[in-house]
C-alpha atoms as a PDB file:
ATOM      1  CA  UNK A   1     -24.543   3.919  11.403  1.00  0.00           C
ATOM      2  CA  UNK A   2     -21.111   2.909   9.993  1.00  0.00           C
ATOM      3  CA  UNK A   3     -18.166   3.567  11.912  1.00  0.00           C
ATOM      4  CA  UNK A   4     -14.651   2.036  12.458  1.00  0.00           C
ATOM      5  CA  UNK A   5     -11.653   1.393  15.198  1.00  0.00           C
ATOM      6  CA  UNK A   6      -8.938   0.418  14.439  1.00  0.00           C
ATOM      7  CA  UNK A   7      -6.365  -0.511  17.428  1.00  0.00           C
ATOM      8  CA  UNK A   8      -3.423  -0.849  17.926  1.00  0.00           C
ATOM      9  CA  UNK A   9      -3.253  -2.679  14.762  1.00  0.00           C
ATOM     10  CA  UNK A  10      -0.213  -4.524  13.551  1.00  0.00           C
ATOM     11  CA  UNK A  11      -0.512  -6.236   9.950  1.00  0.00           C
ATOM     12  CA  UNK A  12       1.609  -8.685   8.090  1.00  0.00           C
ATOM     13  CA  UNK A  13       2.778 -11.934   6.119  1.00  0.00           C
ATOM     14  CA  UNK A  14       4.275 -13.967   8.585  1.00  0.00           C
ATOM     15  CA  UNK A  15       6.273 -12.015  11.979  1.00  0.00           C
ATOM     16  CA  UNK A  16       7.205  -9.297   9.770  1.00  0.00           C
ATOM     17  CA  UNK A  17       4.434  -6.267  10.473  1.00  0.00           C
ATOM     18  CA  UNK A  18       3.838  -4.061   7.313  1.00  0.00           C
ATOM     19  CA  UNK A  19       1.925  -1.997   9.480  1.00  0.00           C
ATOM     20  CA  UNK A  20       2.302  -1.305  12.832  1.00  0.00           C
ATOM     21  CA  UNK A  21       0.404  -0.055  15.998  1.00  0.00           C
ATOM     22  CA  UNK A  22      -2.084   1.465  14.053  1.00  0.00           C
ATOM     23  CA  UNK A  23      -4.951   3.455  16.151  1.00  0.00           C
ATOM     24  CA  UNK A  24      -7.521   5.334  13.066  1.00  0.00           C
ATOM     25  CA  UNK A  25     -11.463   6.388  14.069  1.00  0.00           C
ATOM     26  CA  UNK A  26     -14.016   6.813  11.293  1.00  0.00           C
ATOM     27  CA  UNK A  27     -17.062   8.392  12.761  1.00  0.00           C
ATOM     28  CA  UNK A  28     -19.944   7.253  11.214  1.00  0.00           C
ATOM     29  CA  UNK A  29     -20.837   8.524   7.368  1.00  0.00           C
ATOM     30  CA  UNK A  30     -17.178  10.491   6.980  1.00  0.00           C
ATOM     31  CA  UNK A  31     -14.779   9.402   4.148  1.00  0.00           C
ATOM     32  CA  UNK A  32     -11.657   9.153   4.709  1.00  0.00           C
ATOM     33  CA  UNK A  33      -8.357   8.417   2.989  1.00  0.00           C
ATOM     34  CA  UNK A  34      -5.227   6.039   3.769  1.00  0.00           C
ATOM     35  CA  UNK A  35      -2.681   8.043   1.557  1.00  0.00           C
ATOM     36  CA  UNK A  36       0.982   6.743   0.424  1.00  0.00           C
ATOM     37  CA  UNK A  37       3.234   5.729  -1.467  1.00  0.00           C
ATOM     38  CA  UNK A  38       3.442   1.994  -3.314  1.00  0.00           C
ATOM     39  CA  UNK A  39       4.446  -0.629  -0.278  1.00  0.00           C
ATOM     40  CA  UNK A  40       2.839   1.056   2.939  1.00  0.00           C
ATOM     41  CA  UNK A  41       0.064  -0.537   4.069  1.00  0.00           C
ATOM     42  CA  UNK A  42      -2.712   0.719   3.036  1.00  0.00           C
ATOM     43  CA  UNK A  43      -4.492  -1.360   0.546  1.00  0.00           C
ATOM     44  CA  UNK A  44      -3.408  -4.581   3.877  1.00  0.00           C
ATOM     45  CA  UNK A  45      -5.435  -2.272   6.015  1.00  0.00           C
ATOM     46  CA  UNK A  46      -8.243  -2.969   3.358  1.00  0.00           C
ATOM     47  CA  UNK A  47      -7.981  -6.450   3.637  1.00  0.00           C
ATOM     48  CA  UNK A  48      -7.714  -6.887   7.347  1.00  0.00           C
ATOM     49  CA  UNK A  49     -10.977  -4.625   7.586  1.00  0.00           C
ATOM     50  CA  UNK A  50     -13.004  -6.533   5.251  1.00  0.00           C
ATOM     51  CA  UNK A  51     -12.381  -9.998   6.871  1.00  0.00           C
ATOM     52  CA  UNK A  52      -9.336 -11.362   3.760  1.00  0.00           C
ATOM     53  CA  UNK A  53      -5.924 -10.803   6.293  1.00  0.00           C
ATOM     54  CA  UNK A  54      -5.414 -11.431  10.264  1.00  0.00           C
ATOM     55  CA  UNK A  55      -4.229  -9.408  12.911  1.00  0.00           C
ATOM     56  CA  UNK A  56      -0.891  -9.889  13.851  1.00  0.00           C
ATOM     57  CA  UNK A  57      -2.313  -8.480  17.017  1.00  0.00           C
ATOM     58  CA  UNK A  58      -4.948  -5.182  18.045  1.00  0.00           C
ATOM     59  CA  UNK A  59      -8.275  -5.160  16.966  1.00  0.00           C
ATOM     60  CA  UNK A  60     -11.086  -3.805  14.516  1.00  0.00           C
ATOM     61  CA  UNK A  61     -14.781  -2.700  15.493  1.00  0.00           C
ATOM     62  CA  UNK A  62     -17.437  -1.617  13.422  1.00  0.00           C
ATOM     63  CA  UNK A  63     -19.825  -0.034  14.966  1.00  0.00           C
ATOM     64  CA  UNK A  64     -18.170  -1.036  18.566  1.00  0.00           C
ATOM     65  CA  UNK A  65     -18.243  -4.071  18.147  1.00  0.00           C
ATOM     66  CA  UNK A  66     -14.993  -6.905  17.382  1.00  0.00           C
ATOM     67  CA  UNK A  67     -15.040  -8.048  14.223  1.00  0.00           C
ATOM     68  CA  UNK A  68     -11.576 -10.138  14.647  1.00  0.00           C
ATOM     69  CA  UNK A  69     -12.679 -12.913  14.865  1.00  0.00           C
ATOM     70  CA  UNK A  70     -15.079 -12.718  12.192  1.00  0.00           C
ATOM     71  CA  UNK A  71     -15.313 -14.140   9.014  1.00  0.00           C
ATOM     72  CA  UNK A  72     -15.798 -11.767   5.752  1.00  0.00           C
ATOM     73  CA  UNK A  73     -19.706 -12.688   5.142  1.00  0.00           C
ATOM     74  CA  UNK A  74     -20.302 -11.883   8.733  1.00  0.00           C
ATOM     75  CA  UNK A  75     -18.586  -8.324   8.916  1.00  0.00           C
ATOM     76  CA  UNK A  76     -20.958  -4.737   7.613  1.00  0.00           C
ATOM     77  CA  UNK A  77     -17.362  -3.920   5.533  1.00  0.00           C
ATOM     78  CA  UNK A  78     -18.048  -4.385   1.251  1.00  0.00           C
ATOM     79  CA  UNK A  79     -14.747  -3.528  -0.538  1.00  0.00           C
ATOM     80  CA  UNK A  80     -14.356  -2.661  -4.601  1.00  0.00           C
ATOM     81  CA  UNK A  81     -11.390  -3.327  -6.287  1.00  0.00           C
ATOM     82  CA  UNK A  82      -8.741  -1.123  -8.139  1.00  0.00           C
ATOM     83  CA  UNK A  83      -9.635  -4.314 -11.185  1.00  0.00           C
ATOM     84  CA  UNK A  84     -13.476  -5.138 -11.253  1.00  0.00           C
ATOM     85  CA  UNK A  85     -14.427  -8.510 -10.490  1.00  0.00           C
ATOM     86  CA  UNK A  86     -17.507  -8.495 -12.365  1.00  0.00           C
ATOM     87  CA  UNK A  87     -19.008 -12.209 -13.884  1.00  0.00           C
ATOM     88  CA  UNK A  88     -18.569 -11.828 -17.627  1.00  0.00           C
ATOM     89  CA  UNK A  89     -21.645 -14.515 -18.267  1.00  0.00           C
ATOM     90  CA  UNK A  90     -24.345 -12.100 -16.471  1.00  0.00           C
ATOM     91  CA  UNK A  91     -25.680  -9.028 -17.822  1.00  0.00           C
ATOM     92  CA  UNK A  92     -25.256  -5.300 -15.534  1.00  0.00           C
ATOM     93  CA  UNK A  93     -28.237  -5.714 -13.705  1.00  0.00           C
ATOM     94  CA  UNK A  94     -27.930  -8.920 -12.272  1.00  0.00           C
ATOM     95  CA  UNK A  95     -23.954  -8.346 -11.353  1.00  0.00           C
ATOM     96  CA  UNK A  96     -25.736  -5.558  -9.399  1.00  0.00           C
ATOM     97  CA  UNK A  97     -27.947  -7.824  -7.745  1.00  0.00           C
ATOM     98  CA  UNK A  98     -25.757 -10.813  -7.524  1.00  0.00           C
ATOM     99  CA  UNK A  99     -25.028  -9.629  -3.929  1.00  0.00           C
ATOM    100  CA  UNK A 100     -28.818  -9.565  -2.902  1.00  0.00           C
ATOM    101  CA  UNK A 101     -28.877 -12.853  -4.836  1.00  0.00           C
ATOM    102  CA  UNK A 102     -27.136 -14.030  -2.413  1.00  0.00           C
ATOM    103  CA  UNK A 103     -28.364 -13.199   0.881  1.00  0.00           C
ATOM    104  CA  UNK A 104     -31.629 -15.620  -0.647  1.00  0.00           C
ATOM    105  CA  UNK A 105     -34.368 -14.736  -3.374  1.00  0.00           C
ATOM    106  CA  UNK A 106     -35.024 -10.808  -3.578  1.00  0.00           C
ATOM    107  CA  UNK A 107     -38.007  -8.758  -2.578  1.00  0.00           C
ATOM    108  CA  UNK A 108     -39.957  -6.392  -5.197  1.00  0.00           C
ATOM    109  CA  UNK A 109     -38.886  -3.532  -2.209  1.00  0.00           C
ATOM    110  CA  UNK A 110     -35.222  -4.815  -3.911  1.00  0.00           C
ATOM    111  CA  UNK A 111     -35.331  -4.929  -6.499  1.00  0.00           C
ATOM    112  CA  UNK A 112     -36.797  -0.969  -7.015  1.00  0.00           C
ATOM    113  CA  UNK A 113     -33.682  -0.142  -4.850  1.00  0.00           C
ATOM    114  CA  UNK A 114     -31.296  -2.268  -7.486  1.00  0.00           C
ATOM    115  CA  UNK A 115     -32.921   0.381 -10.063  1.00  0.00           C
ATOM    116  CA  UNK A 116     -32.304   3.254  -8.409  1.00  0.00           C
ATOM    117  CA  UNK A 117     -28.025   2.230  -7.722  1.00  0.00           C
ATOM    118  CA  UNK A 118     -28.815   1.775 -11.271  1.00  0.00           C
ATOM    119  CA  UNK A 119     -29.891   5.824 -11.405  1.00  0.00           C
ATOM    120  CA  UNK A 120     -27.642   6.621  -8.684  1.00  0.00           C
ATOM    121  CA  UNK A 121     -24.616   5.381 -10.716  1.00  0.00           C
ATOM    122  CA  UNK A 122     -25.726   6.234 -13.854  1.00  0.00           C
ATOM    123  CA  UNK A 123     -26.694   2.677 -15.437  1.00  0.00           C
ATOM    124  CA  UNK A 124     -29.506   3.497 -16.837  1.00  0.00           C
ATOM    125  CA  UNK A 125     -30.288   1.819 -19.734  1.00  0.00           C
ATOM    126  CA  UNK A 126     -27.443  -0.630 -19.294  1.00  0.00           C
ATOM    127  CA  UNK A 127     -29.149  -3.275 -17.667  1.00  0.00           C
ATOM    128  CA  UNK A 128     -28.748  -5.592 -19.752  1.00  0.00           C
ATOM    129  CA  UNK A 129     -25.436  -5.666 -21.190  1.00  0.00           C
ATOM    130  CA  UNK A 130     -22.973  -7.939 -20.641  1.00  0.00           C
ATOM    131  CA  UNK A 131     -20.539  -6.555 -18.551  1.00  0.00           C
ATOM    132  CA  UNK A 132     -17.940  -7.585 -21.882  1.00  0.00           C
ATOM    133  CA  UNK A 133     -19.716  -4.617 -23.947  1.00  0.00           C
ATOM    134  CA  UNK A 134     -18.623  -2.500 -21.380  1.00  0.00           C
ATOM    135  CA  UNK A 135     -15.995   0.551 -21.173  1.00  0.00           C
ATOM    136  CA  UNK A 136     -13.453   0.300 -18.111  1.00  0.00           C
ATOM    137  CA  UNK A 137     -15.199   3.554 -15.669  1.00  0.00           C
ATOM    138  CA  UNK A 138     -19.009   1.348 -16.367  1.00  0.00           C
ATOM    139  CA  UNK A 139     -18.072  -1.485 -15.338  1.00  0.00           C
ATOM    140  CA  UNK A 140     -16.336   0.541 -11.951  1.00  0.00           C
ATOM    141  CA  UNK A 141     -19.306   1.350 -11.521  1.00  0.00           C
ATOM    142  CA  UNK A 142     -20.950  -1.953 -11.898  1.00  0.00           C
ATOM    143  CA  UNK A 143     -18.326  -3.107  -8.722  1.00  0.00           C
ATOM    144  CA  UNK A 144     -19.624   0.649  -7.152  1.00  0.00           C
ATOM    145  CA  UNK A 145     -23.443  -0.640  -7.419  1.00  0.00           C
ATOM    146  CA  UNK A 146     -22.623  -3.747  -6.441  1.00  0.00           C
ATOM    147  CA  UNK A 147     -21.178  -2.903  -3.674  1.00  0.00           C
ATOM    148  CA  UNK A 148     -23.777  -0.239  -2.160  1.00  0.00           C
ATOM    149  CA  UNK A 149     -27.247  -2.398  -3.088  1.00  0.00           C
ATOM    150  CA  UNK A 150     -26.292  -3.829  -0.258  1.00  0.00           C
ATOM    151  CA  UNK A 151     -26.676  -0.713   2.483  1.00  0.00           C
ATOM    152  CA  UNK A 152     -23.025  -1.810   3.716  1.00  0.00           C
ATOM    153  CA  UNK A 153     -22.072  -0.111   6.600  1.00  0.00           C
ATOM    154  CA  UNK A 154     -18.641   0.446   5.455  1.00  0.00           C
ATOM    155  CA  UNK A 155     -17.640   0.878   1.931  1.00  0.00           C
ATOM    156  CA  UNK A 156     -14.193   0.332   1.084  1.00  0.00           C
ATOM    157  CA  UNK A 157     -12.716   1.467  -1.870  1.00  0.00           C
ATOM    158  CA  UNK A 158      -8.976   0.322  -2.931  1.00  0.00           C
ATOM    159  CA  UNK A 159      -7.982   2.663  -6.082  1.00  0.00           C
ATOM    160  CA  UNK A 160     -10.941   2.199  -8.225  1.00  0.00           C
ATOM    161  CA  UNK A 161      -9.843   4.838 -10.280  1.00  0.00           C
ATOM    162  CA  UNK A 162      -5.812   3.841 -10.880  1.00  0.00           C
ATOM    163  CA  UNK A 163      -6.709   2.721 -14.444  1.00  0.00           C
ATOM    164  CA  UNK A 164      -8.977   5.280 -15.722  1.00  0.00           C
ATOM    165  CA  UNK A 165      -7.948   7.314 -18.337  1.00  0.00           C
ATOM    166  CA  UNK A 166      -8.065  11.227 -16.426  1.00  0.00           C
ATOM    167  CA  UNK A 167     -10.919  12.666 -17.482  1.00  0.00           C
ATOM    168  CA  UNK A 168     -12.634   9.095 -16.039  1.00  0.00           C
ATOM    169  CA  UNK A 169     -10.798   9.490 -12.872  1.00  0.00           C
ATOM    170  CA  UNK A 170     -12.357  13.255 -12.155  1.00  0.00           C
ATOM    171  CA  UNK A 171     -16.541  11.764 -13.052  1.00  0.00           C
ATOM    172  CA  UNK A 172     -15.736   9.001 -11.017  1.00  0.00           C
ATOM    173  CA  UNK A 173     -14.517  10.985  -8.184  1.00  0.00           C
ATOM    174  CA  UNK A 174     -17.268  13.080  -8.601  1.00  0.00           C
ATOM    175  CA  UNK A 175     -19.557   9.840  -8.854  1.00  0.00           C
ATOM    176  CA  UNK A 176     -18.420   8.750  -4.900  1.00  0.00           C
ATOM    177  CA  UNK A 177     -19.382  12.317  -3.670  1.00  0.00           C
ATOM    178  CA  UNK A 178     -22.275  11.706  -5.179  1.00  0.00           C
ATOM    179  CA  UNK A 179     -23.612   8.464  -3.533  1.00  0.00           C
ATOM    180  CA  UNK A 180     -21.922   9.408  -0.460  1.00  0.00           C
ATOM    181  CA  UNK A 181     -24.052  12.818   0.178  1.00  0.00           C
ATOM    182  CA  UNK A 182     -27.472  10.384  -1.368  1.00  0.00           C
ATOM    183  CA  UNK A 183     -26.586   7.296   0.529  1.00  0.00           C
ATOM    184  CA  UNK A 184     -24.731   8.928   4.205  1.00  0.00           C
ATOM    185  CA  UNK A 185     -22.396   6.016   3.872  1.00  0.00           C
ATOM    186  CA  UNK A 186     -18.862   5.599   5.293  1.00  0.00           C
ATOM    187  CA  UNK A 187     -15.703   4.972   3.011  1.00  0.00           C
ATOM    188  CA  UNK A 188     -12.289   4.253   3.488  1.00  0.00           C
ATOM    189  CA  UNK A 189     -10.574   5.395   0.463  1.00  0.00           C
ATOM    190  CA  UNK A 190      -7.559   3.909  -0.394  1.00  0.00           C
ATOM    191  CA  UNK A 191      -4.864   5.900  -2.879  1.00  0.00           C
ATOM    192  CA  UNK A 192      -1.143   7.014  -3.936  1.00  0.00           C
ATOM    193  CA  UNK A 193      -2.734  10.390  -5.371  1.00  0.00           C
ATOM    194  CA  UNK A 194      -2.433  13.402  -3.154  1.00  0.00           C
ATOM    195  CA  UNK A 195      -4.983  15.227  -5.343  1.00  0.00           C
ATOM    196  CA  UNK A 196      -7.032  13.044  -5.020  1.00  0.00           C
ATOM    197  CA  UNK A 197      -7.043  12.204  -0.865  1.00  0.00           C
ATOM    198  CA  UNK A 198      -6.902  16.359  -1.071  1.00  0.00           C
ATOM    199  CA  UNK A 199     -10.519  16.904  -2.953  1.00  0.00           C
ATOM    200  CA  UNK A 200     -12.774  13.374  -2.028  1.00  0.00           C
ATOM    201  CA  UNK A 201     -11.613  12.961   2.284  1.00  0.00           C
ATOM    202  CA  UNK A 202     -13.173  14.949   4.642  1.00  0.00           C
ATOM    203  CA  UNK A 203      -9.887  13.647   6.581  1.00  0.00           C
ATOM    204  CA  UNK A 204      -6.794  11.813   5.154  1.00  0.00           C
ATOM    205  CA  UNK A 205      -4.674   9.471   7.243  1.00  0.00           C
ATOM    206  CA  UNK A 206      -0.988   9.287   6.128  1.00  0.00           C
ATOM    207  CA  UNK A 207       1.510   6.244   6.074  1.00  0.00           C
ATOM    208  CA  UNK A 208       5.184   6.250   5.585  1.00  0.00           C
ATOM    209  CA  UNK A 209       7.275   3.104   6.354  1.00  0.00           C
ATOM    210  CA  UNK A 210       4.015   1.119   7.685  1.00  0.00           C
ATOM    211  CA  UNK A 211       2.930   4.445  10.638  1.00  0.00           C
ATOM    212  CA  UNK A 212       0.732   6.612  10.584  1.00  0.00           C
ATOM    213  CA  UNK A 213       2.635   9.810  10.105  1.00  0.00           C
ATOM    214  CA  UNK A 214      -0.143  11.921  10.333  1.00  0.00           C
ATOM    215  CA  UNK A 215      -4.230  12.422  10.362  1.00  0.00           C
ATOM    216  CA  UNK A 216      -6.137  15.269   9.860  1.00  0.00           C
ATOM    217  CA  UNK A 217      -8.180  16.995   7.342  1.00  0.00           C
ATOM    218  CA  UNK A 218      -6.631  18.137   3.782  1.00  0.00           C
ATOM    219  CA  UNK A 219      -5.869  21.423   4.649  1.00  0.00           C
ATOM    220  CA  UNK A 220      -3.798  20.393   8.193  1.00  0.00           C
ATOM    221  CA  UNK A 221      -2.040  17.517   6.212  1.00  0.00           C
ATOM    222  CA  UNK A 222      -1.514  20.357   3.309  1.00  0.00           C
ATOM    223  CA  UNK A 223      -0.834  23.684   5.660  1.00  0.00           C
ATOM    224  CA  UNK A 224       0.763  22.293   8.467  1.00  0.00           C
ATOM    225  CA  UNK A 225       2.811  18.860   7.957  1.00  0.00           C
ATOM    226  CA  UNK A 226       3.387  17.402  11.067  1.00  0.00           C
ATOM    227  CA  UNK A 227       7.063  16.616   9.734  1.00  0.00           C
ATOM    228  CA  UNK A 228       9.822  17.175   7.054  1.00  0.00           C
ATOM    229  CA  UNK A 229       8.802  13.318   5.281  1.00  0.00           C
ATOM    230  CA  UNK A 230       4.894  15.009   5.425  1.00  0.00           C
ATOM    231  CA  UNK A 231       6.244  18.266   3.846  1.00  0.00           C
ATOM    232  CA  UNK A 232       8.406  16.445   0.487  1.00  0.00           C
ATOM    233  CA  UNK A 233       5.737  13.753   0.415  1.00  0.00           C
ATOM    234  CA  UNK A 234       2.548  17.056  -0.510  1.00  0.00           C
ATOM    235  CA  UNK A 235       5.334  18.816  -2.484  1.00  0.00           C
ATOM    236  CA  UNK A 236       6.622  21.810  -0.107  1.00  0.00           C
ATOM    237  CA  UNK A 237      10.102  21.583  -1.929  1.00  0.00           C
ATOM    238  CA  UNK A 238      12.130  24.433  -0.141  1.00  0.00           C
ATOM    239  CA  UNK A 239      13.501  23.246   3.048  1.00  0.00           C
ATOM    240  CA  UNK A 240      15.339  25.860   5.612  1.00  0.00           C
ATOM    241  CA  UNK A 241      18.041  23.977   7.852  1.00  0.00           C
ATOM    242  CA  UNK A 242      19.122  26.306  10.221  1.00  0.00           C
ATOM    243  CA  UNK A 243      19.567  26.751  14.250  1.00  0.00           C
ATOM    244  CA  UNK A 244      18.562  28.271  17.071  1.00  0.00           C
ATOM    245  CA  UNK A 245      20.268  31.682  17.885  1.00  0.00           C
ATOM    246  CA  UNK A 246      18.793  33.295  20.648  1.00  0.00           C
ATOM    247  CA  UNK A 247      14.984  34.025  20.171  1.00  0.00           C
ATOM    248  CA  UNK A 248      15.526  32.971  16.951  1.00  0.00           C
ATOM    249  CA  UNK A 249      15.580  30.930  13.485  1.00  0.00           C
ATOM    250  CA  UNK A 250      17.922  31.613  11.530  1.00  0.00           C
ATOM    251  CA  UNK A 251      19.342  30.455   7.661  1.00  0.00           C
ATOM    252  CA  UNK A 252      20.635  30.796   5.003  1.00  0.00           C
ATOM    253  CA  UNK A 253      17.541  32.462   3.080  1.00  0.00           C
ATOM    254  CA  UNK A 254      15.427  33.029   5.799  1.00  0.00           C
ATOM    255  CA  UNK A 255      14.721  33.888   9.437  1.00  0.00           C
ATOM    256  CA  UNK A 256      12.343  34.394  12.558  1.00  0.00           C
ATOM    257  CA  UNK A 257      10.893  34.482  16.083  1.00  0.00           C
ATOM    258  CA  UNK A 258      10.938  30.787  17.415  1.00  0.00           C
ATOM    259  CA  UNK A 259       7.275  30.600  19.359  1.00  0.00           C
ATOM    260  CA  UNK A 260       8.658  29.116  22.020  1.00  0.00           C
ATOM    261  CA  UNK A 261      12.359  28.581  24.567  1.00  0.00           C
ATOM    262  CA  UNK A 262      14.699  26.494  22.582  1.00  0.00           C
ATOM    263  CA  UNK A 263      17.908  25.250  23.268  1.00  0.00           C
ATOM    264  CA  UNK A 264      20.532  27.964  21.866  1.00  0.00           C
ATOM    265  CA  UNK A 265      22.036  25.720  18.931  1.00  0.00           C
ATOM    266  CA  UNK A 266      19.338  23.662  17.920  1.00  0.00           C
ATOM    267  CA  UNK A 267      19.517  22.807  14.751  1.00  0.00           C
ATOM    268  CA  UNK A 268      15.970  23.301  13.269  1.00  0.00           C
ATOM    269  CA  UNK A 269      14.202  22.661   9.709  1.00  0.00           C
ATOM    270  CA  UNK A 270      11.281  24.880   7.802  1.00  0.00           C
ATOM    271  CA  UNK A 271       9.735  24.335   4.512  1.00  0.00           C
ATOM    272  CA  UNK A 272       7.216  26.567   2.566  1.00  0.00           C
ATOM    273  CA  UNK A 273       5.478  25.386  -0.349  1.00  0.00           C
ATOM    274  CA  UNK A 274       6.534  26.972  -3.988  1.00  0.00           C
ATOM    275  CA  UNK A 275       2.264  27.822  -4.339  1.00  0.00           C
ATOM    276  CA  UNK A 276       3.466  30.499  -0.894  1.00  0.00           C
ATOM    277  CA  UNK A 277       7.333  32.503  -2.182  1.00  0.00           C
ATOM    278  CA  UNK A 278       6.884  35.767  -3.346  1.00  0.00           C
ATOM    279  CA  UNK A 279       8.593  36.847  -6.313  1.00  0.00           C
ATOM    280  CA  UNK A 280       9.336  40.799  -7.266  1.00  0.00           C
ATOM    281  CA  UNK A 281      11.752  42.295  -9.843  1.00  0.00           C
ATOM    282  CA  UNK A 282      11.876  45.236  -8.197  1.00  0.00           C
ATOM    283  CA  UNK A 283      11.607  44.303  -4.426  1.00  0.00           C
ATOM    284  CA  UNK A 284       9.060  45.708  -2.250  1.00  0.00           C
ATOM    285  CA  UNK A 285      10.846  47.249   1.327  1.00  0.00           C
ATOM    286  CA  UNK A 286       7.713  46.926   2.967  1.00  0.00           C
ATOM    287  CA  UNK A 287       7.213  42.448   2.750  1.00  0.00           C
ATOM    288  CA  UNK A 288      10.105  42.101   5.840  1.00  0.00           C
ATOM    289  CA  UNK A 289      13.111  39.826   4.807  1.00  0.00           C
ATOM    290  CA  UNK A 290      14.390  39.279   1.110  1.00  0.00           C
ATOM    291  CA  UNK A 291      16.790  37.227  -0.662  1.00  0.00           C
ATOM    292  CA  UNK A 292      18.480  37.783  -3.775  1.00  0.00           C
ATOM    293  CA  UNK A 293      18.151  35.304  -6.127  1.00  0.00           C
ATOM    294  CA  UNK A 294      18.472  34.440 -10.076  1.00  0.00           C
ATOM    295  CA  UNK A 295      15.964  32.321 -12.289  1.00  0.00           C
ATOM    296  CA  UNK A 296      17.648  29.325 -13.749  1.00  0.00           C
ATOM    297  CA  UNK A 297      14.876  28.012 -15.122  1.00  0.00           C
ATOM    298  CA  UNK A 298      10.308  28.265 -15.770  1.00  0.00           C
ATOM    299  CA  UNK A 299       8.172  26.067 -17.196  1.00  0.00           C
ATOM    300  CA  UNK A 300       4.387  26.396 -18.195  1.00  0.00           C
ATOM    301  CA  UNK A 301       2.027  24.765 -16.031  1.00  0.00           C
ATOM    302  CA  UNK A 302      -1.386  26.710 -17.502  1.00  0.00           C
ATOM    303  CA  UNK A 303      -2.917  28.747 -14.275  1.00  0.00           C
ATOM    304  CA  UNK A 304       0.791  29.172 -13.310  1.00  0.00           C
ATOM    305  CA  UNK A 305       4.502  28.765 -13.744  1.00  0.00           C
ATOM    306  CA  UNK A 306       7.001  26.773 -12.242  1.00  0.00           C
ATOM    307  CA  UNK A 307       9.763  29.028 -11.802  1.00  0.00           C
ATOM    308  CA  UNK A 308      13.884  27.460 -10.299  1.00  0.00           C
ATOM    309  CA  UNK A 309      15.916  29.832  -8.753  1.00  0.00           C
ATOM    310  CA  UNK A 310      18.977  29.651  -7.014  1.00  0.00           C
ATOM    311  CA  UNK A 311      20.503  32.038  -3.616  1.00  0.00           C
ATOM    312  CA  UNK A 312      23.882  31.493  -1.646  1.00  0.00           C
ATOM    313  CA  UNK A 313      24.204  28.068  -3.507  1.00  0.00           C
ATOM    314  CA  UNK A 314      20.886  27.221  -2.447  1.00  0.00           C
ATOM    315  CA  UNK A 315      17.553  26.207  -4.614  1.00  0.00           C
ATOM    316  CA  UNK A 316      14.673  27.998  -4.898  1.00  0.00           C
ATOM    317  CA  UNK A 317      10.067  26.718  -5.791  1.00  0.00           C
ATOM    318  CA  UNK A 318       8.108  29.160  -6.856  1.00  0.00           C
ATOM    319  CA  UNK A 319       5.094  28.855  -8.605  1.00  0.00           C
ATOM    320  CA  UNK A 320       3.462  32.146 -10.506  1.00  0.00           C
ATOM    321  CA  UNK A 321       1.103  32.853 -11.923  1.00  0.00           C
ATOM    322  CA  UNK A 322       3.242  35.394 -14.398  1.00  0.00           C
ATOM    323  CA  UNK A 323       5.086  33.797 -17.407  1.00  0.00           C
ATOM    324  CA  UNK A 324       7.957  37.154 -17.649  1.00  0.00           C
ATOM    325  CA  UNK A 325      10.523  35.629 -15.789  1.00  0.00           C
ATOM    326  CA  UNK A 326      13.797  34.485 -18.245  1.00  0.00           C
ATOM    327  CA  UNK A 327      17.011  32.615 -17.476  1.00  0.00           C
ATOM    328  CA  UNK A 328      19.560  34.663 -15.308  1.00  0.00           C
ATOM    329  CA  UNK A 329      17.934  36.661 -14.743  1.00  0.00           C
ATOM    330  CA  UNK A 330      18.062  38.426 -10.706  1.00  0.00           C
ATOM    331  CA  UNK A 331      14.768  38.624  -8.706  1.00  0.00           C
ATOM    332  CA  UNK A 332      13.758  39.491  -5.341  1.00  0.00           C
ATOM    333  CA  UNK A 333      12.074  36.591  -2.962  1.00  0.00           C
ATOM    334  CA  UNK A 334      10.029  36.565   0.427  1.00  0.00           C
ATOM    335  CA  UNK A 335       8.835  33.937   2.622  1.00  0.00           C
ATOM    336  CA  UNK A 336       6.011  35.223   4.131  1.00  0.00           C
ATOM    337  CA  UNK A 337       5.936  34.491   7.645  1.00  0.00           C
ATOM    338  CA  UNK A 338       3.041  33.086   8.010  1.00  0.00           C
ATOM    339  CA  UNK A 339       3.172  30.797   5.021  1.00  0.00           C
ATOM    340  CA  UNK A 340       7.119  29.262   6.821  1.00  0.00           C
ATOM    341  CA  UNK A 341       6.257  26.162   8.756  1.00  0.00           C
ATOM    342  CA  UNK A 342       9.043  25.317  11.309  1.00  0.00           C
ATOM    343  CA  UNK A 343       9.765  21.853  12.336  1.00  0.00           C
ATOM    344  CA  UNK A 344      10.315  21.363  16.156  1.00  0.00           C
ATOM    345  CA  UNK A 345      11.275  18.300  17.371  1.00  0.00           C
ATOM    346  CA  UNK A 346       9.008  17.208  20.277  1.00  0.00           C
ATOM    347  CA  UNK A 347      12.054  16.395  22.634  1.00  0.00           C
ATOM    348  CA  UNK A 348      13.131  20.641  22.961  1.00  0.00           C
END
């Protein structure tokens, strides 16, 4: 079993909280990512859960029991840091078994488990090497192995791939997913990388300015952002600022029916992701409302081309699978209504 509850948790160094009134529930076997810019409080939360930072207020519950007053060594949670903290005078096998030895002599069953974890983390064959002889990716695998060999209720990961190159990062992501599949350990994973959070997680929590701005599935945060700031964080750069007129939202580039009654004159905003914007050269009346635009520049990005356009003194960005657009070219732009996210304030 491995569950985590954070109840009205405020954290900081001194009287000024970095994390404010945080509520979070992670169920057994889930992998949850905490996402946000530097300074948002992500690592601070991990330190508090691990017992390295006392809360200013609120409670931390692991497997249903409050651990607020428990020291780190009595919590069933293990933290893997951004930098591998390994013992250079020990070999790989000794590093992996260190936590078990701290609990007492290692049994034959535990020796077998060490070998199983070395295999799982792709370290078999490297058991007798000193950590200074390992690559960065191998060192981080030793850190992971040393943590999961203890069978913790919670595995806490603090940006463990950030110092690796792109190929190694992908290898480590795949490894963590494999570890989770085989061990069913509950994981809380900190990252500032949107792609990493979306591809690794059952749930994602976005922290901005010390508060949880949205918590949900990767699909919910990506396609149904709770507010404009969440949308911007995930790269939804096309915004429409408009006003309520009757039962319509009207802006210079887009209009749509409102899902419920709002007072006429209410200012609203909407957004659409670049990959959902439709561009055509000749237009298609069957698509509904379209605007004329002029291509300003393009950028080839492999499978797609990013196209920057202007229309009625507004900028539009789209991702398109073809490369035939040229600066100065006249195009027609359509915003599919089912892809547009309209933000309605809670108090309206």
